[in-house]
Amino acid sequence: MPQIVVLDGYTLNPGDLSWDGLRALGPCTVYDRTPPADIVMRAGQSEIVLTNKTELPADVIEVLTSLRYIGVLATGYNVVDIEAARRRGVIVTNVPAYSTRSVAQMVFAHLLNLALHVDRHARTVSGGKWSSHPDFCYWETPLIELTGLTMGIVGFGRIGRATAEIALALGMNLIAYDVDVPTEVPPGCQLVELDDIFRKSDVVSLHCPLTSETKGLVDERRLAMMKESAFLINTSRGPLIDEQALAQALNAGRIAGAGLDVLTSEPPEKDNPLLSAKNCFITPHISWATHAARQRLLQVAIENVAAFVAGKPLNIVNEP
C-alpha cells in the first residue's frame, strides 16, 4: 500500500470531518501545517502527497524521488509546479466544483450586508440604542432593495451561473461577461463587453480565474467607470483587484462599498490599504469552507487517491 502524507490538513479538517477514508488506502500521516523547510523531510518517502496551500515548487518536486501523485485539496492548483510534475511523471489532481453553492451564498452574504448593514444595526441594538430610542425603529444608513438593481458578473462558469440564479430569484437585472462566450445564458441575462459590466452595474461580482490577463483586471480605470452607488464583490481571487486603487476609490466615495472574501496576500499584511478602507468588508477566505462543501472536498479528494491507486486517475490537471 502506498505511503500518504497530507502536508496541511487543518483548514480542510480542523476536527469535524474524518480522514478514515484516506487512511484506508494506505499508511497516512496528516500534518496540520508544514513550513517550507520541512516539506522534504515529511514527504520524502511518500508516493502520494496531498496539499492545500503548501507550495510544491520545481526544486522540491525534483528531490521527492518516491513521489508519484500530488492531490491538491482545492480547485486551484497554482501551488504546484505543474510542468515540473509532468517532467517527473507525477500526476497532479484537483477537486473541481465542490463549493459552487457555498461561494455563491457568500456573494449575497456580502451584498446583503452592504445593502442593509445587518451587522452594524445588530451591534447598535446590543449596545442599547434601540432600548433608549423614542421610535419603534431606526436605521443608521440608507437601506437598499436589490430588486430592480443590475448585477454584472465577470466570469460565467459554474459559480458565476449559480450567482446569476440567485440574483434573478431576487428580481435583479443581470448582465455577464466571460472571455469564452457562453453558448447559453439563462432567461433574463444579457451578455455584454467587459467594460460595460463596470459602467452599467449596480453590483459587480467577480468569478474569473487568476491569469496573466485577469491580474489587476479591476484597476483605477475600471473603478472610475463604476457608479458612485455601486458595490464590488470578490469571492474569486485577490489579485484580480488593484488593492491600492480600490482603497482610494472607496475612501474618496467613488464607489459605495466592497465585499471581499479574498486578498492578494493571505493572510494580509497589516498595512494592506483595504483593511482600513471606507465601507470595505473583508472575510478571511471562507466562502469555500461550509461544512457541506468541505465534506464534498474531502470525499472527492479521497476518491481521486483511490482512483489513482486503482490505476484509473481522475481530475488530472497535468495531462501529457
Protein backbone atom coordinates (compact mmCIF):
# COMPACT_ATOMS: atom_id res chain seq x y z
CA MET A 1 0.00 0.00 0.00
CA PRO A 2 1.34 3.48 -0.87
CA GLN A 3 2.52 5.88 1.80
CA ILE A 4 0.37 9.00 2.00
CA VAL A 5 1.13 12.36 3.60
CA VAL A 6 -1.16 15.38 3.97
CA LEU A 7 1.01 18.48 4.33
CA ASP A 8 -1.62 20.96 5.57
CA GLY A 9 -4.88 19.31 6.53
CA TYR A 10 -6.14 21.70 9.21
CA THR A 11 -8.13 24.19 7.14
CA LEU A 12 -9.97 21.38 5.37
CA ASN A 13 -10.50 19.34 8.51
CA PRO A 14 -9.97 21.11 11.82
CA GLY A 15 -11.54 18.13 13.54
CA ASP A 16 -15.15 17.97 12.38
CA LEU A 17 -14.51 15.57 9.47
CA SER A 18 -12.79 12.18 9.24
CA TRP A 19 -9.60 11.12 7.46
CA ASP A 20 -10.57 7.43 7.80
CA GLY A 21 -11.42 7.05 4.12
CA LEU A 22 -7.92 8.21 3.20
CA ARG A 23 -6.24 6.07 5.85
CA ALA A 24 -7.98 3.01 4.39
CA LEU A 25 -5.92 3.47 1.21
CA GLY A 26 -2.50 3.23 2.86
CA PRO A 27 -0.30 4.38 5.75
CA CYS A 28 -1.26 8.01 6.19
CA THR A 29 0.24 10.91 8.13
CA VAL A 30 -1.72 14.14 8.41
CA TYR A 31 0.04 17.37 9.40
CA ASP A 32 -1.98 20.45 10.34
CA ARG A 33 0.60 22.69 8.65
CA THR A 34 4.02 22.22 7.06
CA PRO A 35 6.58 25.03 6.77
CA PRO A 36 8.61 25.02 3.54
CA ALA A 37 11.76 23.83 5.31
CA ASP A 38 10.02 20.64 6.48
CA ILE A 39 8.37 19.53 3.23
CA VAL A 40 11.15 17.26 2.02
CA MET A 41 11.62 15.66 5.43
CA ARG A 42 7.90 14.97 5.85
CA ALA A 43 7.12 13.91 2.27
CA GLY A 44 10.44 12.36 1.27
CA GLN A 45 9.34 8.71 1.43
CA SER A 46 5.74 9.18 0.31
CA GLU A 47 4.34 8.20 -3.06
CA ILE A 48 1.20 10.28 -2.52
CA VAL A 49 1.27 13.86 -1.23
CA LEU A 50 -1.81 15.99 -0.59
CA THR A 51 -1.56 19.76 -0.25
CA ASN A 52 -3.93 22.65 0.09
CA LYS A 53 -1.84 25.83 0.20
CA THR A 54 1.64 24.41 0.92
CA GLU A 55 3.63 25.13 -2.24
CA LEU A 56 5.41 22.37 -4.15
CA PRO A 57 7.85 24.17 -6.47
CA ALA A 58 10.11 22.50 -9.03
CA ASP A 59 13.13 22.18 -6.74
CA VAL A 60 11.06 20.32 -4.12
CA ILE A 61 9.37 18.04 -6.65
CA GLU A 62 12.75 17.10 -8.12
CA VAL A 63 14.10 15.78 -4.81
CA LEU A 64 10.97 13.86 -3.79
CA THR A 65 12.14 10.75 -5.60
CA SER A 66 9.35 8.48 -4.31
CA LEU A 67 6.64 10.89 -5.38
CA ARG A 68 4.10 9.61 -7.92
CA TYR A 69 0.99 11.64 -7.16
CA ILE A 70 0.08 15.12 -5.88
CA GLY A 71 -3.50 15.75 -4.84
CA VAL A 72 -4.46 19.39 -4.45
CA LEU A 73 -7.14 19.87 -1.79
CA ALA A 74 -8.73 22.71 -3.74
CA THR A 75 -9.88 23.63 -7.23
CA GLY A 76 -7.00 25.99 -7.99
CA TYR A 77 -3.63 24.26 -8.34
CA ASN A 78 -1.18 27.13 -8.75
CA VAL A 79 0.63 25.96 -5.58
CA VAL A 80 2.14 23.10 -7.60
CA ASP A 81 4.70 23.48 -10.39
CA ILE A 82 2.67 21.56 -12.95
CA GLU A 83 5.42 21.40 -15.56
CA ALA A 84 7.96 20.05 -13.08
CA ALA A 85 5.49 17.37 -12.04
CA ARG A 86 4.85 16.45 -15.67
CA ARG A 87 8.57 16.12 -16.35
CA ARG A 88 8.87 13.74 -13.41
CA GLY A 89 5.81 11.77 -14.50
CA VAL A 90 3.95 12.80 -11.33
CA ILE A 91 0.18 13.02 -11.68
CA VAL A 92 -1.48 16.13 -10.24
CA THR A 93 -5.21 16.22 -9.50
CA ASN A 94 -7.59 18.80 -8.10
CA VAL A 95 -11.15 18.89 -6.73
CA PRO A 96 -13.45 20.84 -9.04
CA ALA A 97 -16.89 22.28 -8.30
CA TYR A 98 -17.18 21.25 -4.65
CA SER A 99 -18.01 24.74 -3.29
CA THR A 100 -20.14 26.29 -6.04
CA ARG A 101 -23.24 26.91 -3.94
CA SER A 102 -21.30 27.95 -0.86
CA VAL A 103 -19.34 30.60 -2.77
CA ALA A 104 -22.49 31.93 -4.44
CA GLN A 105 -24.07 32.12 -0.98
CA MET A 106 -21.15 34.25 0.26
CA VAL A 107 -21.64 36.70 -2.60
CA PHE A 108 -25.06 37.52 -1.24
CA ALA A 109 -23.94 37.50 2.38
CA HIS A 110 -21.63 40.37 1.44
CA LEU A 111 -24.16 42.05 -0.83
CA LEU A 112 -26.96 41.95 1.74
CA ASN A 113 -24.60 43.33 4.38
CA LEU A 114 -23.70 46.21 2.08
CA ALA A 115 -27.36 46.84 1.25
CA LEU A 116 -28.78 46.58 4.77
CA HIS A 117 -25.81 46.82 7.19
CA VAL A 118 -27.19 43.97 9.26
CA ASP A 119 -24.10 43.65 11.45
CA ARG A 120 -23.90 47.37 12.17
CA HIS A 121 -27.55 47.63 13.17
CA ALA A 122 -27.40 44.47 15.28
CA ARG A 123 -24.41 45.90 17.18
CA THR A 124 -26.25 49.15 17.88
CA VAL A 125 -29.16 47.15 19.32
CA SER A 126 -26.79 45.16 21.53
CA GLY A 127 -25.27 48.47 22.62
CA GLY A 128 -28.64 49.70 23.89
CA LYS A 129 -29.63 52.19 21.19
CA TRP A 130 -32.97 50.60 20.39
CA SER A 131 -33.94 50.28 24.05
CA SER A 132 -33.47 54.02 24.54
CA HIS A 133 -34.85 55.15 21.17
CA PRO A 134 -38.01 57.31 21.05
CA ASP A 135 -39.34 55.48 17.95
CA PHE A 136 -40.23 51.86 17.33
CA CYS A 137 -37.44 51.58 14.72
CA TYR A 138 -34.42 53.42 13.35
CA TRP A 139 -31.72 52.96 10.72
CA GLU A 140 -28.26 54.47 10.58
CA THR A 141 -27.65 54.00 6.86
CA PRO A 142 -29.81 54.02 3.74
CA LEU A 143 -31.47 50.61 3.28
CA ILE A 144 -31.28 49.31 -0.27
CA GLU A 145 -33.68 46.93 -2.01
CA LEU A 146 -31.96 44.65 -4.52
CA THR A 147 -34.97 44.07 -6.77
CA GLY A 148 -34.53 46.04 -9.96
CA LEU A 149 -30.82 46.66 -9.50
CA THR A 150 -28.35 45.36 -12.10
CA MET A 151 -25.76 42.77 -11.17
CA GLY A 152 -22.80 42.37 -13.50
CA ILE A 153 -20.99 39.04 -13.34
CA VAL A 154 -17.41 38.76 -14.59
CA GLY A 155 -16.76 35.09 -15.36
CA PHE A 156 -19.73 32.91 -16.21
CA GLY A 157 -18.58 29.47 -15.17
CA ARG A 158 -20.22 27.28 -12.52
CA ILE A 159 -20.03 29.81 -9.69
CA GLY A 160 -20.94 32.75 -11.90
CA ARG A 161 -24.03 30.88 -13.09
CA ALA A 162 -25.02 29.88 -9.55
CA THR A 163 -24.69 33.53 -8.52
CA ALA A 164 -26.82 34.53 -11.51
CA GLU A 165 -29.61 32.17 -10.44
CA ILE A 166 -29.81 33.79 -7.00
CA ALA A 167 -29.70 37.31 -8.47
CA LEU A 168 -32.56 36.50 -10.82
CA ALA A 169 -34.56 34.95 -7.98
CA LEU A 170 -34.17 38.24 -6.08
CA GLY A 171 -35.56 40.18 -9.04
CA MET A 172 -32.26 41.70 -10.11
CA ASN A 173 -31.39 42.53 -13.69
CA LEU A 174 -28.42 40.55 -14.91
CA ILE A 175 -25.53 41.19 -17.29
CA ALA A 176 -22.49 38.96 -17.69
CA TYR A 177 -19.12 38.71 -19.37
CA ASP A 178 -16.85 35.76 -20.00
CA VAL A 179 -13.77 35.57 -22.19
CA ASP A 180 -15.19 32.30 -23.54
CA VAL A 181 -18.59 33.42 -24.77
CA PRO A 182 -21.23 31.06 -23.31
CA THR A 183 -23.41 29.25 -25.82
CA GLU A 184 -26.39 29.52 -23.47
CA VAL A 185 -27.41 32.03 -20.84
CA PRO A 186 -30.43 31.92 -18.54
CA PRO A 187 -33.51 33.93 -19.49
CA GLY A 188 -33.14 37.44 -18.14
CA CYS A 189 -29.36 37.54 -18.57
CA GLN A 190 -27.63 39.65 -21.22
CA LEU A 191 -24.04 39.15 -22.37
CA VAL A 192 -22.06 42.40 -22.65
CA GLU A 193 -18.48 43.59 -23.09
CA LEU A 194 -16.24 43.68 -20.03
CA ASP A 195 -16.13 47.46 -19.66
CA ASP A 196 -19.93 47.60 -19.89
CA ILE A 197 -20.09 45.45 -16.74
CA PHE A 198 -18.38 48.25 -14.81
CA ARG A 199 -20.32 51.07 -16.48
CA LYS A 200 -23.82 49.63 -16.15
CA SER A 201 -23.84 47.55 -12.96
CA ASP A 202 -25.09 48.44 -9.52
CA VAL A 203 -23.21 45.39 -8.26
CA VAL A 204 -20.10 43.85 -9.88
CA SER A 205 -19.30 40.29 -8.79
CA LEU A 206 -16.01 38.66 -9.81
CA HIS A 207 -15.90 34.95 -10.70
CA CYS A 208 -12.98 34.53 -13.09
CA PRO A 209 -9.73 32.59 -12.66
CA LEU A 210 -6.44 34.35 -12.00
CA THR A 211 -4.37 34.51 -15.19
CA SER A 212 -1.85 36.92 -16.64
CA GLU A 213 -4.78 38.56 -18.45
CA THR A 214 -7.05 38.90 -15.41
CA LYS A 215 -4.46 40.02 -12.85
CA GLY A 216 -5.31 43.61 -11.93
CA LEU A 217 -8.49 43.45 -14.01
CA VAL A 218 -10.20 45.83 -11.56
CA ASP A 219 -7.84 48.77 -11.82
CA GLU A 220 -8.10 52.53 -11.45
CA ARG A 221 -9.55 52.88 -14.98
CA ARG A 222 -12.37 50.38 -14.45
CA LEU A 223 -13.14 51.61 -10.94
CA ALA A 224 -13.59 55.08 -12.43
CA MET A 225 -16.23 53.65 -14.77
CA MET A 226 -18.41 52.42 -11.89
CA LYS A 227 -21.39 54.27 -10.47
CA GLU A 228 -20.80 56.07 -7.18
CA SER A 229 -23.63 53.97 -5.75
CA ALA A 230 -22.15 50.64 -6.96
CA PHE A 231 -20.78 47.75 -4.93
CA LEU A 232 -17.88 45.44 -5.80
CA ILE A 233 -17.88 41.80 -4.62
CA ASN A 234 -14.89 39.46 -4.95
CA THR A 235 -15.08 35.81 -3.91
CA SER A 236 -12.72 34.65 -6.65
CA ARG A 237 -9.02 35.58 -6.45
CA GLY A 238 -7.49 38.55 -4.65
CA PRO A 239 -5.05 39.68 -7.36
CA LEU A 240 -7.94 40.39 -9.74
CA ILE A 241 -8.13 43.74 -7.94
CA ASP A 242 -5.58 46.53 -7.68
CA GLU A 243 -5.97 46.90 -3.92
CA GLN A 244 -4.45 50.37 -3.65
CA ALA A 245 -6.75 51.65 -6.41
CA LEU A 246 -9.80 50.12 -4.74
CA ALA A 247 -8.90 51.59 -1.35
CA GLN A 248 -8.54 55.03 -2.92
CA ALA A 249 -11.88 54.69 -4.73
CA LEU A 250 -13.65 53.66 -1.52
CA ASN A 251 -12.10 56.37 0.62
CA ALA A 252 -12.94 59.02 -1.96
CA GLY A 253 -16.54 57.81 -2.26
CA ARG A 254 -16.13 56.98 -5.94
CA ILE A 255 -17.90 53.68 -5.29
CA ALA A 256 -20.24 52.85 -2.41
CA GLY A 257 -18.65 49.73 -0.94
CA ALA A 258 -16.86 46.43 -1.38
CA GLY A 259 -17.31 42.93 -0.01
CA LEU A 260 -14.20 40.79 -0.30
CA ASP A 261 -13.51 37.18 0.71
CA VAL A 262 -10.05 37.11 -0.90
CA LEU A 263 -6.99 39.36 -0.93
CA THR A 264 -3.74 39.43 -2.89
CA SER A 265 -1.73 38.22 0.11
CA GLU A 266 -3.36 35.80 2.56
CA PRO A 267 -3.12 36.39 5.46
CA PRO A 268 -2.90 40.09 4.57
CA GLU A 269 -0.06 42.34 5.59
CA LYS A 270 -1.04 44.70 8.39
CA ASP A 271 -0.54 47.70 6.09
CA ASN A 272 -2.91 46.43 3.38
CA PRO A 273 -4.86 49.59 2.49
CA LEU A 274 -8.16 47.72 2.27
CA LEU A 275 -8.11 46.81 5.96
CA SER A 276 -8.90 50.42 6.85
CA ALA A 277 -10.77 51.48 3.70
CA LYS A 278 -14.21 53.05 3.98
CA ASN A 279 -17.17 50.66 3.56
CA CYS A 280 -14.89 47.71 2.85
CA PHE A 281 -15.96 44.44 4.45
CA ILE A 282 -13.47 41.56 4.35
CA THR A 283 -13.99 37.94 5.36
CA PRO A 284 -10.99 35.57 5.75
CA HIS A 285 -11.34 33.44 2.58
CA ILE A 286 -14.16 31.34 4.00
CA SER A 287 -16.68 31.14 1.15
CA TRP A 288 -15.46 27.60 0.36
CA ALA A 289 -15.49 26.45 3.98
CA THR A 290 -19.05 25.47 4.83
CA HIS A 291 -19.22 22.04 6.44
CA ALA A 292 -21.08 20.64 3.42
CA ALA A 293 -18.52 21.98 0.95
CA ARG A 294 -15.56 20.70 2.97
CA GLN A 295 -17.20 17.29 3.25
CA ARG A 296 -17.59 17.15 -0.54
CA LEU A 297 -14.00 18.31 -0.98
CA LEU A 298 -12.62 15.61 1.30
CA GLN A 299 -14.75 12.91 -0.30
CA VAL A 300 -13.64 13.80 -3.82
CA ALA A 301 -10.00 14.06 -2.70
CA ILE A 302 -10.24 10.53 -1.28
CA GLU A 303 -11.92 9.29 -4.47
CA ASN A 304 -9.11 10.88 -6.50
CA VAL A 305 -6.50 8.99 -4.49
CA ALA A 306 -8.46 5.72 -4.71
CA ALA A 307 -8.76 6.11 -8.48
CA PHE A 308 -5.01 6.71 -8.76
CA VAL A 309 -4.22 3.64 -6.65
CA ALA A 310 -6.55 1.61 -8.90
CA GLY A 311 -4.69 2.83 -11.99
CA LYS A 312 -7.56 4.98 -13.27
CA PRO A 313 -6.80 8.53 -12.07
CA LEU A 314 -9.49 11.21 -12.10
CA ASN A 315 -9.44 15.02 -12.27
CA ILE A 316 -5.91 15.20 -13.68
CA VAL A 317 -4.71 18.76 -14.30
CA ASN A 318 -1.37 17.94 -15.94
CA GLU A 319 -2.25 15.54 -18.73
CA PRO A 320 0.73 14.91 -21.04
